[in-house]
PDB file of all heavy atoms in Angstrom:
ATOM      1  N   TYR A   1      10.882  -2.626   8.430  1.00  0.00           N
ATOM      2  CA  TYR A   1      12.079  -2.990   7.635  1.00  0.00           C
ATOM      3  C   TYR A   1      11.944  -4.455   7.115  1.00  0.00           C
ATOM      4  O   TYR A   1      12.417  -4.724   6.057  1.00  0.00           O
ATOM      5  CB  TYR A   1      13.376  -2.740   8.473  1.00  0.00           C
ATOM      6  CG  TYR A   1      13.769  -1.298   8.428  1.00  0.00           C
ATOM      7  CD1 TYR A   1      13.454  -0.482   9.518  1.00  0.00           C
ATOM      8  CD2 TYR A   1      14.446  -0.757   7.389  1.00  0.00           C
ATOM      9  CE1 TYR A   1      13.816   0.924   9.432  1.00  0.00           C
ATOM     10  CE2 TYR A   1      14.684   0.638   7.234  1.00  0.00           C
ATOM     11  CZ  TYR A   1      14.423   1.401   8.366  1.00  0.00           C
ATOM     12  OH  TYR A   1      14.749   2.754   8.299  1.00  0.00           O
ATOM     13  N   ILE A   2      11.337  -5.283   7.884  1.00  0.00           N
ATOM     14  CA  ILE A   2      11.139  -6.639   7.329  1.00  0.00           C
ATOM     15  C   ILE A   2      10.316  -6.599   6.189  1.00  0.00           C
ATOM     16  O   ILE A   2      10.549  -7.235   5.134  1.00  0.00           O
ATOM     17  CB  ILE A   2      10.605  -7.598   8.466  1.00  0.00           C
ATOM     18  CG1 ILE A   2      11.608  -7.823   9.534  1.00  0.00           C
ATOM     19  CG2 ILE A   2      10.060  -8.837   7.861  1.00  0.00           C
ATOM     20  CD1 ILE A   2      11.135  -8.514  10.830  1.00  0.00           C
ATOM     21  N   LEU A   3       9.180  -5.852   6.231  1.00  0.00           N
ATOM     22  CA  LEU A   3       8.243  -5.813   5.084  1.00  0.00           C
ATOM     23  C   LEU A   3       8.820  -5.048   3.891  1.00  0.00           C
ATOM     24  O   LEU A   3       8.692  -5.575   2.773  1.00  0.00           O
ATOM     25  CB  LEU A   3       6.951  -5.066   5.500  1.00  0.00           C
ATOM     26  CG  LEU A   3       6.065  -5.870   6.496  1.00  0.00           C
ATOM     27  CD1 LEU A   3       4.814  -4.887   6.832  1.00  0.00           C
ATOM     28  CD2 LEU A   3       5.569  -7.103   5.884  1.00  0.00           C
ATOM     29  N   ILE A   4       9.532  -3.992   4.026  1.00  0.00           N
ATOM     30  CA  ILE A   4      10.091  -3.443   2.859  1.00  0.00           C
ATOM     31  C   ILE A   4      11.160  -4.123   2.208  1.00  0.00           C
ATOM     32  O   ILE A   4      11.510  -3.778   1.047  1.00  0.00           O
ATOM     33  CB  ILE A   4      10.485  -1.878   3.210  1.00  0.00           C
ATOM     34  CG1 ILE A   4      11.567  -1.850   4.189  1.00  0.00           C
ATOM     35  CG2 ILE A   4       9.268  -1.119   3.636  1.00  0.00           C
ATOM     36  CD1 ILE A   4      12.098  -0.430   4.473  1.00  0.00           C
ATOM     37  N   ASN A   5      11.780  -5.087   2.896  1.00  0.00           N
ATOM     38  CA  ASN A   5      12.781  -5.909   2.256  1.00  0.00           C
ATOM     39  C   ASN A   5      12.197  -7.177   1.643  1.00  0.00           C
ATOM     40  O   ASN A   5      12.935  -7.961   1.049  1.00  0.00           O
ATOM     41  CB  ASN A   5      13.843  -6.271   3.247  1.00  0.00           C
ATOM     42  CG  ASN A   5      14.768  -5.013   3.549  1.00  0.00           C
ATOM     43  OD1 ASN A   5      15.368  -4.520   2.592  1.00  0.00           O
ATOM     44  ND2 ASN A   5      14.803  -4.578   4.743  1.00  0.00           N
ATOM     45  N   ARG A   6      10.870  -7.436   1.727  1.00  0.00           N
ATOM     46  CA  ARG A   6      10.190  -8.586   1.171  1.00  0.00           C
ATOM     47  C   ARG A   6      10.338  -8.473  -0.427  1.00  0.00           C
ATOM     48  O   ARG A   6      10.230  -7.341  -0.979  1.00  0.00           O
ATOM     49  CB  ARG A   6       8.834  -8.712   1.572  1.00  0.00           C
ATOM     50  CG  ARG A   6       8.730  -9.249   3.044  1.00  0.00           C
ATOM     51  CD  ARG A   6       7.295  -9.298   3.487  1.00  0.00           C
ATOM     52  NE  ARG A   6       6.368  -9.728   2.518  1.00  0.00           N
ATOM     53  CZ  ARG A   6       5.126 -10.260   2.906  1.00  0.00           C
ATOM     54  NH1 ARG A   6       4.823 -10.276   4.134  1.00  0.00           N
ATOM     55  NH2 ARG A   6       4.355 -10.608   1.967  1.00  0.00           N
ATOM     56  N   ARG A   7      10.308  -9.575  -1.057  1.00  0.00           N
ATOM     57  CA  ARG A   7      10.306  -9.545  -2.553  1.00  0.00           C
ATOM     58  C   ARG A   7       9.085  -9.033  -3.181  1.00  0.00           C
ATOM     59  O   ARG A   7       9.032  -8.490  -4.259  1.00  0.00           O
ATOM     60  CB  ARG A   7      10.552 -10.953  -3.057  1.00  0.00           C
ATOM     61  CG  ARG A   7      11.991 -11.475  -2.901  1.00  0.00           C
ATOM     62  CD  ARG A   7      12.153 -12.814  -3.469  1.00  0.00           C
ATOM     63  NE  ARG A   7      13.506 -13.237  -3.212  1.00  0.00           N
ATOM     64  CZ  ARG A   7      14.034 -14.123  -4.012  1.00  0.00           C
ATOM     65  NH1 ARG A   7      13.487 -14.755  -4.981  1.00  0.00           N
ATOM     66  NH2 ARG A   7      15.305 -14.526  -3.670  1.00  0.00           N
ATOM     67  N   ASP A   8       7.965  -9.141  -2.470  1.00  0.00           N
ATOM     68  CA  ASP A   8       6.715  -8.648  -2.974  1.00  0.00           C
ATOM     69  C   ASP A   8       6.427  -7.223  -2.617  1.00  0.00           C
ATOM     70  O   ASP A   8       5.327  -6.673  -3.115  1.00  0.00           O
ATOM     71  CB  ASP A   8       5.540  -9.571  -2.535  1.00  0.00           C
ATOM     72  CG  ASP A   8       5.237  -9.501  -1.027  1.00  0.00           C
ATOM     73  OD1 ASP A   8       6.144  -9.020  -0.242  1.00  0.00           O
ATOM     74  OD2 ASP A   8       4.154  -9.889  -0.623  1.00  0.00           O
ATOM     75  N   PHE A   9       7.264  -6.559  -1.937  1.00  0.00           N
ATOM     76  CA  PHE A   9       7.114  -5.159  -1.614  1.00  0.00           C
ATOM     77  C   PHE A   9       7.568  -4.363  -2.871  1.00  0.00           C
ATOM     78  O   PHE A   9       8.594  -4.739  -3.488  1.00  0.00           O
ATOM     79  CB  PHE A   9       7.842  -4.733  -0.340  1.00  0.00           C
ATOM     80  CG  PHE A   9       7.350  -3.498   0.258  1.00  0.00           C
ATOM     81  CD1 PHE A   9       6.216  -3.429   1.030  1.00  0.00           C
ATOM     82  CD2 PHE A   9       7.951  -2.287   0.037  1.00  0.00           C
ATOM     83  CE1 PHE A   9       5.624  -2.229   1.534  1.00  0.00           C
ATOM     84  CE2 PHE A   9       7.451  -1.048   0.566  1.00  0.00           C
ATOM     85  CZ  PHE A   9       6.323  -1.008   1.303  1.00  0.00           C
ATOM     86  N   PRO A  10       6.975  -3.237  -3.188  1.00  0.00           N
ATOM     87  CA  PRO A  10       7.359  -2.472  -4.295  1.00  0.00           C
ATOM     88  C   PRO A  10       8.889  -2.040  -4.140  1.00  0.00           C
ATOM     89  O   PRO A  10       9.287  -1.747  -3.072  1.00  0.00           O
ATOM     90  CB  PRO A  10       6.454  -1.209  -4.283  1.00  0.00           C
ATOM     91  CG  PRO A  10       5.344  -1.579  -3.408  1.00  0.00           C
ATOM     92  CD  PRO A  10       5.780  -2.646  -2.434  1.00  0.00           C
ATOM     93  N   ALA A  11       9.497  -1.970  -5.300  1.00  0.00           N
ATOM     94  CA  ALA A  11      10.899  -1.364  -5.322  1.00  0.00           C
ATOM     95  C   ALA A  11      10.860   0.054  -4.952  1.00  0.00           C
ATOM     96  O   ALA A  11       9.921   0.820  -5.399  1.00  0.00           O
ATOM     97  CB  ALA A  11      11.505  -1.643  -6.722  1.00  0.00           C
ATOM     98  N   PRO A  12      11.905   0.533  -4.317  1.00  0.00           N
ATOM     99  CA  PRO A  12      11.942   2.034  -4.016  1.00  0.00           C
ATOM    100  C   PRO A  12      12.067   2.833  -5.282  1.00  0.00           C
ATOM    101  O   PRO A  12      12.650   2.322  -6.261  1.00  0.00           O
ATOM    102  CB  PRO A  12      13.150   2.098  -3.126  1.00  0.00           C
ATOM    103  CG  PRO A  12      13.877   0.838  -3.183  1.00  0.00           C
ATOM    104  CD  PRO A  12      12.964  -0.182  -3.771  1.00  0.00           C
ATOM    105  N   THR A  13      11.545   3.941  -5.211  1.00  0.00           N
ATOM    106  CA  THR A  13      11.603   4.895  -6.377  1.00  0.00           C
ATOM    107  C   THR A  13      12.995   5.595  -6.447  1.00  0.00           C
ATOM    108  O   THR A  13      13.475   5.782  -7.491  1.00  0.00           O
ATOM    109  CB  THR A  13      10.508   6.007  -6.192  1.00  0.00           C
ATOM    110  OG1 THR A  13       9.269   5.317  -6.229  1.00  0.00           O
ATOM    111  CG2 THR A  13      10.658   7.030  -7.341  1.00  0.00           C
ATOM    112  N   ALA A  14      13.572   5.737  -5.242  1.00  0.00           N
ATOM    113  CA  ALA A  14      14.898   6.357  -5.153  1.00  0.00           C
ATOM    114  C   ALA A  14      15.545   6.023  -3.853  1.00  0.00           C
ATOM    115  O   ALA A  14      14.878   5.624  -2.899  1.00  0.00           O
ATOM    116  CB  ALA A  14      14.793   7.873  -5.297  1.00  0.00           C
ATOM    117  N   THR A  15      16.919   6.097  -3.866  1.00  0.00           N
ATOM    118  CA  THR A  15      17.630   5.883  -2.606  1.00  0.00           C
ATOM    119  C   THR A  15      18.351   7.192  -2.367  1.00  0.00           C
ATOM    120  O   THR A  15      19.171   7.680  -3.191  1.00  0.00           O
ATOM    121  CB  THR A  15      18.686   4.713  -2.837  1.00  0.00           C
ATOM    122  OG1 THR A  15      17.883   3.496  -3.113  1.00  0.00           O
ATOM    123  CG2 THR A  15      19.417   4.455  -1.534  1.00  0.00           C
ATOM    124  N   LEU A  16      18.117   7.753  -1.156  1.00  0.00           N
ATOM    125  CA  LEU A  16      18.763   8.964  -0.759  1.00  0.00           C
ATOM    126  C   LEU A  16      19.709   8.696   0.374  1.00  0.00           C
ATOM    127  O   LEU A  16      19.664   7.522   0.887  1.00  0.00           O
ATOM    128  CB  LEU A  16      17.637   9.981  -0.270  1.00  0.00           C
ATOM    129  CG  LEU A  16      16.483  10.255  -1.330  1.00  0.00           C
ATOM    130  CD1 LEU A  16      15.476  11.098  -0.636  1.00  0.00           C
ATOM    131  CD2 LEU A  16      17.006  10.912  -2.493  1.00  0.00           C
ATOM    132  N   LYS A  17      20.420   9.640   0.867  1.00  0.00           N
ATOM    133  CA  LYS A  17      21.255   9.441   1.984  1.00  0.00           C
ATOM    134  C   LYS A  17      20.476   9.007   3.284  1.00  0.00           C
ATOM    135  O   LYS A  17      20.983   8.202   4.060  1.00  0.00           O
ATOM    136  CB  LYS A  17      22.100  10.684   2.365  1.00  0.00           C
ATOM    137  CG  LYS A  17      23.116  10.978   1.426  1.00  0.00           C
ATOM    138  CD  LYS A  17      24.084  12.173   1.859  1.00  0.00           C
ATOM    139  CE  LYS A  17      25.156  12.374   0.898  1.00  0.00           C
ATOM    140  NZ  LYS A  17      26.024  13.484   1.376  1.00  0.00           N
ATOM    141  N   MET A  18      19.277   9.476   3.349  1.00  0.00           N
ATOM    142  CA  MET A  18      18.407   9.072   4.512  1.00  0.00           C
ATOM    143  C   MET A  18      17.828   7.710   4.354  1.00  0.00           C
ATOM    144  O   MET A  18      17.299   7.151   5.265  1.00  0.00           O
ATOM    145  CB  MET A  18      17.329  10.134   4.788  1.00  0.00           C
ATOM    146  CG  MET A  18      16.362  10.396   3.634  1.00  0.00           C
ATOM    147  SD  MET A  18      15.183   9.240   3.073  1.00  0.00           S
ATOM    148  CE  MET A  18      14.114   9.113   4.452  1.00  0.00           C
ATOM    149  N   GLY A  19      17.851   7.184   3.161  1.00  0.00           N
ATOM    150  CA  GLY A  19      17.340   5.842   2.904  1.00  0.00           C
ATOM    151  C   GLY A  19      16.459   5.796   1.680  1.00  0.00           C
ATOM    152  O   GLY A  19      16.458   6.663   0.878  1.00  0.00           O
ATOM    153  N   ASN A  20      15.814   4.703   1.512  1.00  0.00           N
ATOM    154  CA  ASN A  20      14.931   4.490   0.310  1.00  0.00           C
ATOM    155  C   ASN A  20      13.632   5.306   0.541  1.00  0.00           C
ATOM    156  O   ASN A  20      13.117   5.541   1.549  1.00  0.00           O
ATOM    157  CB  ASN A  20      14.576   3.015   0.141  1.00  0.00           C
ATOM    158  CG  ASN A  20      15.745   2.190  -0.251  1.00  0.00           C
ATOM    159  OD1 ASN A  20      16.675   2.671  -0.848  1.00  0.00           O
ATOM    160  ND2 ASN A  20      15.796   0.940   0.167  1.00  0.00           N
ATOM    161  N   VAL A  21      13.096   5.669  -0.656  1.00  0.00           N
ATOM    162  CA  VAL A  21      11.731   6.291  -0.680  1.00  0.00           C
ATOM    163  C   VAL A  21      10.941   5.599  -1.774  1.00  0.00           C
ATOM    164  O   VAL A  21      11.434   5.153  -2.781  1.00  0.00           O
ATOM    165  CB  VAL A  21      11.812   7.807  -0.969  1.00  0.00           C
ATOM    166  CG1 VAL A  21      12.362   8.601   0.209  1.00  0.00           C
ATOM    167  CG2 VAL A  21      12.565   8.125  -2.241  1.00  0.00           C
ATOM    168  N   TRP A  22       9.552   5.455  -1.532  1.00  0.00           N
ATOM    169  CA  TRP A  22       8.654   4.890  -2.369  1.00  0.00           C
ATOM    170  C   TRP A  22       7.625   5.863  -2.739  1.00  0.00           C
ATOM    171  O   TRP A  22       7.264   6.785  -2.029  1.00  0.00           O
ATOM    172  CB  TRP A  22       8.011   3.679  -1.652  1.00  0.00           C
ATOM    173  CG  TRP A  22       8.876   2.555  -1.338  1.00  0.00           C
ATOM    174  CD1 TRP A  22       8.958   1.429  -2.089  1.00  0.00           C
ATOM    175  CD2 TRP A  22       9.829   2.382  -0.268  1.00  0.00           C
ATOM    176  NE1 TRP A  22       9.955   0.534  -1.522  1.00  0.00           N
ATOM    177  CE2 TRP A  22      10.468   1.182  -0.328  1.00  0.00           C
ATOM    178  CE3 TRP A  22      10.091   3.259   0.797  1.00  0.00           C
ATOM    179  CZ2 TRP A  22      11.396   0.737   0.497  1.00  0.00           C
ATOM    180  CZ3 TRP A  22      11.027   2.796   1.734  1.00  0.00           C
ATOM    181  CH2 TRP A  22      11.727   1.561   1.561  1.00  0.00           C
ATOM    182  N   LEU A  23       7.006   5.640  -3.972  1.00  0.00           N
ATOM    183  CA  LEU A  23       5.811   6.378  -4.281  1.00  0.00           C
ATOM    184  C   LEU A  23       4.705   5.918  -3.435  1.00  0.00           C
ATOM    185  O   LEU A  23       4.450   4.788  -3.144  1.00  0.00           O
ATOM    186  CB  LEU A  23       5.389   6.153  -5.748  1.00  0.00           C
ATOM    187  CG  LEU A  23       6.309   6.673  -6.836  1.00  0.00           C
ATOM    188  CD1 LEU A  23       5.783   6.185  -8.188  1.00  0.00           C
ATOM    189  CD2 LEU A  23       6.288   8.178  -6.780  1.00  0.00           C
ATOM    190  N   LYS A  24       4.000   6.877  -2.826  1.00  0.00           N
ATOM    191  CA  LYS A  24       2.831   6.558  -1.965  1.00  0.00           C
ATOM    192  C   LYS A  24       1.848   5.672  -2.668  1.00  0.00           C
ATOM    193  O   LYS A  24       1.263   4.742  -2.136  1.00  0.00           O
ATOM    194  CB  LYS A  24       2.213   7.834  -1.448  1.00  0.00           C
ATOM    195  CG  LYS A  24       1.033   7.577  -0.533  1.00  0.00           C
ATOM    196  CD  LYS A  24       0.425   8.790  -0.021  1.00  0.00           C
ATOM    197  CE  LYS A  24      -0.665   8.447   1.070  1.00  0.00           C
ATOM    198  NZ  LYS A  24      -1.260   9.646   1.611  1.00  0.00           N
ATOM    199  N   SER A  25       1.568   5.919  -3.988  1.00  0.00           N
ATOM    200  CA  SER A  25       0.638   5.129  -4.764  1.00  0.00           C
ATOM    201  C   SER A  25       1.073   3.633  -4.804  1.00  0.00           C
ATOM    202  O   SER A  25       0.240   2.782  -4.769  1.00  0.00           O
ATOM    203  CB  SER A  25       0.485   5.713  -6.102  1.00  0.00           C
ATOM    204  OG  SER A  25       1.711   5.784  -6.825  1.00  0.00           O
ATOM    205  N   ASP A  26       2.438   3.380  -4.926  1.00  0.00           N
ATOM    206  CA  ASP A  26       2.948   2.034  -4.928  1.00  0.00           C
ATOM    207  C   ASP A  26       2.641   1.337  -3.636  1.00  0.00           C
ATOM    208  O   ASP A  26       2.297   0.169  -3.598  1.00  0.00           O
ATOM    209  CB  ASP A  26       4.364   1.951  -5.354  1.00  0.00           C
ATOM    210  CG  ASP A  26       4.630   2.366  -6.786  1.00  0.00           C
ATOM    211  OD1 ASP A  26       3.725   2.465  -7.607  1.00  0.00           O
ATOM    212  OD2 ASP A  26       5.851   2.572  -7.110  1.00  0.00           O
ATOM    213  N   VAL A  27       2.936   2.069  -2.551  1.00  0.00           N
ATOM    214  CA  VAL A  27       2.731   1.505  -1.252  1.00  0.00           C
ATOM    215  C   VAL A  27       1.239   1.214  -0.932  1.00  0.00           C
ATOM    216  O   VAL A  27       0.886   0.180  -0.457  1.00  0.00           O
ATOM    217  CB  VAL A  27       3.304   2.381  -0.097  1.00  0.00           C
ATOM    218  CG1 VAL A  27       3.064   1.948   1.274  1.00  0.00           C
ATOM    219  CG2 VAL A  27       4.866   2.566  -0.330  1.00  0.00           C
ATOM    220  N   GLU A  28       0.394   2.141  -1.357  1.00  0.00           N
ATOM    221  CA  GLU A  28      -1.049   1.990  -1.115  1.00  0.00           C
ATOM    222  C   GLU A  28      -1.558   0.832  -1.932  1.00  0.00           C
ATOM    223  O   GLU A  28      -2.399   0.101  -1.561  1.00  0.00           O
ATOM    224  CB  GLU A  28      -1.766   3.337  -1.456  1.00  0.00           C
ATOM    225  CG  GLU A  28      -1.533   4.401  -0.432  1.00  0.00           C
ATOM    226  CD  GLU A  28      -2.007   4.081   0.963  1.00  0.00           C
ATOM    227  OE1 GLU A  28      -2.960   3.250   1.180  1.00  0.00           O
ATOM    228  OE2 GLU A  28      -1.488   4.641   1.902  1.00  0.00           O
ATOM    229  N   ALA A  29      -1.019   0.590  -3.161  1.00  0.00           N
ATOM    230  CA  ALA A  29      -1.432  -0.486  -3.973  1.00  0.00           C
ATOM    231  C   ALA A  29      -1.063  -1.795  -3.327  1.00  0.00           C
ATOM    232  O   ALA A  29      -1.809  -2.767  -3.342  1.00  0.00           O
ATOM    233  CB  ALA A  29      -0.803  -0.401  -5.414  1.00  0.00           C
ATOM    234  N   TRP A  30       0.185  -1.793  -2.752  1.00  0.00           N
ATOM    235  CA  TRP A  30       0.574  -3.010  -1.976  1.00  0.00           C
ATOM    236  C   TRP A  30      -0.325  -3.242  -0.839  1.00  0.00           C
ATOM    237  O   TRP A  30      -0.741  -4.455  -0.571  1.00  0.00           O
ATOM    238  CB  TRP A  30       2.073  -2.869  -1.604  1.00  0.00           C
ATOM    239  CG  TRP A  30       2.632  -4.071  -0.863  1.00  0.00           C
ATOM    240  CD1 TRP A  30       3.228  -5.079  -1.422  1.00  0.00           C
ATOM    241  CD2 TRP A  30       2.569  -4.289   0.517  1.00  0.00           C
ATOM    242  NE1 TRP A  30       3.606  -6.041  -0.464  1.00  0.00           N
ATOM    243  CE2 TRP A  30       3.281  -5.569   0.742  1.00  0.00           C
ATOM    244  CE3 TRP A  30       2.215  -3.588   1.624  1.00  0.00           C
ATOM    245  CZ2 TRP A  30       3.397  -6.100   1.997  1.00  0.00           C
ATOM    246  CZ3 TRP A  30       2.325  -4.145   2.910  1.00  0.00           C
ATOM    247  CH2 TRP A  30       2.945  -5.347   3.115  1.00  0.00           C
ATOM    248  N   ILE A  31      -0.625  -2.217  -0.066  1.00  0.00           N
ATOM    249  CA  ILE A  31      -1.506  -2.342   1.076  1.00  0.00           C
ATOM    250  C   ILE A  31      -2.890  -2.870   0.588  1.00  0.00           C
ATOM    251  O   ILE A  31      -3.432  -3.793   1.246  1.00  0.00           O
ATOM    252  CB  ILE A  31      -1.665  -1.067   1.798  1.00  0.00           C
ATOM    253  CG1 ILE A  31      -0.352  -0.654   2.553  1.00  0.00           C
ATOM    254  CG2 ILE A  31      -2.884  -1.064   2.777  1.00  0.00           C
ATOM    255  CD1 ILE A  31      -0.288   0.700   3.035  1.00  0.00           C
ATOM    256  N   ALA A  32      -3.445  -2.398  -0.493  1.00  0.00           N
ATOM    257  CA  ALA A  32      -4.761  -2.880  -0.988  1.00  0.00           C
ATOM    258  C   ALA A  32      -4.672  -4.379  -1.273  1.00  0.00           C
ATOM    259  O   ALA A  32      -5.727  -5.023  -1.094  1.00  0.00           O
ATOM    260  CB  ALA A  32      -5.124  -2.017  -2.186  1.00  0.00           C
ATOM    261  N   GLU A  33      -3.607  -4.841  -1.834  1.00  0.00           N
ATOM    262  CA  GLU A  33      -3.422  -6.241  -2.174  1.00  0.00           C
ATOM    263  C   GLU A  33      -3.150  -7.155  -0.938  1.00  0.00           C
ATOM    264  O   GLU A  33      -3.749  -8.160  -0.738  1.00  0.00           O
ATOM    265  CB  GLU A  33      -2.357  -6.451  -3.165  1.00  0.00           C
ATOM    266  CG  GLU A  33      -2.194  -7.804  -3.639  1.00  0.00           C
ATOM    267  CD  GLU A  33      -1.058  -8.009  -4.650  1.00  0.00           C
ATOM    268  OE1 GLU A  33      -0.633  -7.080  -5.254  1.00  0.00           O
ATOM    269  OE2 GLU A  33      -0.644  -9.203  -4.768  1.00  0.00           O
ATOM    270  N   LYS A  34      -2.168  -6.631  -0.122  1.00  0.00           N
ATOM    271  CA  LYS A  34      -1.829  -7.539   0.930  1.00  0.00           C
ATOM    272  C   LYS A  34      -2.332  -7.286   2.376  1.00  0.00           C
ATOM    273  O   LYS A  34      -2.375  -8.176   3.230  1.00  0.00           O
ATOM    274  CB  LYS A  34      -0.247  -7.414   1.113  1.00  0.00           C
ATOM    275  CG  LYS A  34       0.507  -7.574  -0.149  1.00  0.00           C
ATOM    276  CD  LYS A  34       0.503  -9.096  -0.549  1.00  0.00           C
ATOM    277  CE  LYS A  34       1.306  -9.331  -1.759  1.00  0.00           C
ATOM    278  NZ  LYS A  34       1.296 -10.687  -2.199  1.00  0.00           N
ATOM    279  N   ARG A  35      -2.825  -6.032   2.561  1.00  0.00           N
ATOM    280  CA  ARG A  35      -3.401  -5.659   3.847  1.00  0.00           C
ATOM    281  C   ARG A  35      -4.699  -4.911   3.690  1.00  0.00           C
ATOM    282  O   ARG A  35      -4.806  -3.740   4.224  1.00  0.00           O
ATOM    283  CB  ARG A  35      -2.412  -4.747   4.675  1.00  0.00           C
ATOM    284  CG  ARG A  35      -1.030  -5.359   4.879  1.00  0.00           C
ATOM    285  CD  ARG A  35      -1.039  -6.496   5.902  1.00  0.00           C
ATOM    286  NE  ARG A  35       0.313  -6.848   6.299  1.00  0.00           N
ATOM    287  CZ  ARG A  35       1.123  -7.654   5.620  1.00  0.00           C
ATOM    288  NH1 ARG A  35       0.800  -8.244   4.582  1.00  0.00           N
ATOM    289  NH2 ARG A  35       2.298  -8.084   6.150  1.00  0.00           N
ATOM    290  N   PRO A  36      -5.714  -5.404   3.019  1.00  0.00           N
ATOM    291  CA  PRO A  36      -6.901  -4.658   2.667  1.00  0.00           C
ATOM    292  C   PRO A  36      -7.631  -4.097   3.925  1.00  0.00           C
ATOM    293  O   PRO A  36      -8.345  -3.180   3.767  1.00  0.00           O
ATOM    294  CB  PRO A  36      -7.688  -5.628   1.835  1.00  0.00           C
ATOM    295  CG  PRO A  36      -7.219  -6.986   2.140  1.00  0.00           C
ATOM    296  CD  PRO A  36      -5.811  -6.838   2.452  1.00  0.00           C
ATOM    297  N   HIS A  37      -7.551  -4.811   4.996  1.00  0.00           N
ATOM    298  CA  HIS A  37      -8.173  -4.305   6.182  1.00  0.00           C
ATOM    299  C   HIS A  37      -7.744  -2.990   6.617  1.00  0.00           C
ATOM    300  O   HIS A  37      -8.449  -2.282   7.416  1.00  0.00           O
ATOM    301  CB  HIS A  37      -8.032  -5.367   7.391  1.00  0.00           C
ATOM    302  CG  HIS A  37      -6.628  -5.542   7.755  1.00  0.00           C
ATOM    303  ND1 HIS A  37      -5.719  -6.302   7.042  1.00  0.00           N
ATOM    304  CD2 HIS A  37      -5.956  -5.067   8.802  1.00  0.00           C
ATOM    305  CE1 HIS A  37      -4.646  -6.263   7.670  1.00  0.00           C
ATOM    306  NE2 HIS A  37      -4.653  -5.527   8.762  1.00  0.00           N
ATOM    307  N   LEU A  38      -6.573  -2.506   6.209  1.00  0.00           N
ATOM    308  CA  LEU A  38      -6.032  -1.207   6.557  1.00  0.00           C
ATOM    309  C   LEU A  38      -6.598  -0.107   5.697  1.00  0.00           C
ATOM    310  O   LEU A  38      -6.418   1.071   6.020  1.00  0.00           O
ATOM    311  CB  LEU A  38      -4.510  -1.219   6.503  1.00  0.00           C
ATOM    312  CG  LEU A  38      -3.781  -2.180   7.495  1.00  0.00           C
ATOM    313  CD1 LEU A  38      -2.297  -2.131   7.181  1.00  0.00           C
ATOM    314  CD2 LEU A  38      -4.104  -1.688   8.875  1.00  0.00           C
ATOM    315  N   LEU A  39      -7.247  -0.403   4.622  1.00  0.00           N
ATOM    316  CA  LEU A  39      -7.759   0.642   3.741  1.00  0.00           C
ATOM    317  C   LEU A  39      -8.839   1.500   4.400  1.00  0.00           C
ATOM    318  O   LEU A  39      -8.899   2.677   4.223  1.00  0.00           O
ATOM    319  CB  LEU A  39      -8.343   0.000   2.423  1.00  0.00           C
ATOM    320  CG  LEU A  39      -7.312  -0.607   1.560  1.00  0.00           C
ATOM    321  CD1 LEU A  39      -8.012  -1.211   0.293  1.00  0.00           C
ATOM    322  CD2 LEU A  39      -6.267   0.362   1.113  1.00  0.00           C
ATOM    323  N   GLU A  40      -9.674   0.887   5.260  1.00  0.00           N
ATOM    324  CA  GLU A  40     -10.704   1.654   5.932  1.00  0.00           C
ATOM    325  C   GLU A  40     -10.169   2.682   6.837  1.00  0.00           C
ATOM    326  O   GLU A  40     -10.820   3.767   7.014  1.00  0.00           O
ATOM    327  CB  GLU A  40     -11.599   0.677   6.727  1.00  0.00           C
ATOM    328  CG  GLU A  40     -12.305  -0.311   5.928  1.00  0.00           C
ATOM    329  CD  GLU A  40     -12.988  -1.365   6.658  1.00  0.00           C
ATOM    330  OE1 GLU A  40     -13.001  -1.333   7.946  1.00  0.00           O
ATOM    331  OE2 GLU A  40     -13.550  -2.293   6.032  1.00  0.00           O
ATOM    332  N   SER A  41      -8.958   2.505   7.338  1.00  0.00           N
ATOM    333  CA  SER A  41      -8.418   3.525   8.293  1.00  0.00           C
ATOM    334  C   SER A  41      -7.642   4.653   7.606  1.00  0.00           C
ATOM    335  O   SER A  41      -7.171   5.530   8.232  1.00  0.00           O
ATOM    336  CB  SER A  41      -7.432   2.851   9.310  1.00  0.00           C
ATOM    337  OG  SER A  41      -6.341   2.316   8.625  1.00  0.00           O
ATOM    338  N   ASP A  42      -7.531   4.583   6.198  1.00  0.00           N
ATOM    339  CA  ASP A  42      -6.815   5.560   5.523  1.00  0.00           C
ATOM    340  C   ASP A  42      -7.844   6.736   5.147  1.00  0.00           C
ATOM    341  O   ASP A  42      -8.410   6.751   4.157  1.00  0.00           O
ATOM    342  CB  ASP A  42      -6.227   5.007   4.271  1.00  0.00           C
ATOM    343  CG  ASP A  42      -5.390   5.988   3.446  1.00  0.00           C
ATOM    344  OD1 ASP A  42      -4.904   6.921   4.116  1.00  0.00           O
ATOM    345  OD2 ASP A  42      -5.152   5.794   2.262  1.00  0.00           O
ATOM    346  N   GLU A  43      -7.838   7.732   6.039  1.00  0.00           N
ATOM    347  CA  GLU A  43      -8.726   8.826   5.925  1.00  0.00           C
ATOM    348  C   GLU A  43      -8.081  10.060   5.244  1.00  0.00           C
ATOM    349  O   GLU A  43      -8.631  11.050   4.805  1.00  0.00           O
ATOM    350  CB  GLU A  43      -9.307   9.346   7.243  1.00  0.00           C
ATOM    351  CG  GLU A  43     -10.238   8.203   7.848  1.00  0.00           C
ATOM    352  CD  GLU A  43     -11.421   7.888   6.993  1.00  0.00           C
ATOM    353  OE1 GLU A  43     -11.972   8.772   6.341  1.00  0.00           O
ATOM    354  OE2 GLU A  43     -11.824   6.695   6.972  1.00  0.00           O
ATOM    355  N   GLU A  44      -6.693  10.147   5.213  1.00  0.00           N
ATOM    356  CA  GLU A  44      -6.001  11.271   4.669  1.00  0.00           C
ATOM    357  C   GLU A  44      -5.797  11.049   3.204  1.00  0.00           C
ATOM    358  O   GLU A  44      -5.613   9.942   2.673  1.00  0.00           O
ATOM    359  CB  GLU A  44      -4.731  11.563   5.344  1.00  0.00           C
ATOM    360  CG  GLU A  44      -3.689  10.451   5.262  1.00  0.00           C
ATOM    361  CD  GLU A  44      -2.413  10.782   5.954  1.00  0.00           C
ATOM    362  OE1 GLU A  44      -1.947  11.879   5.830  1.00  0.00           O
ATOM    363  OE2 GLU A  44      -1.922   9.942   6.692  1.00  0.00           O
TER     364      GLU A  44
END
């Protein structure tokens, strides 16, 4: 929740009753830029 509220985190695509949702591609692009060491563990 701290990370998703940062200014540099992608804006949510939609807000539902259960909360915000993001496009996976937007989140993965953020990870590639800010946490590139996590890309190797993304096997799915």
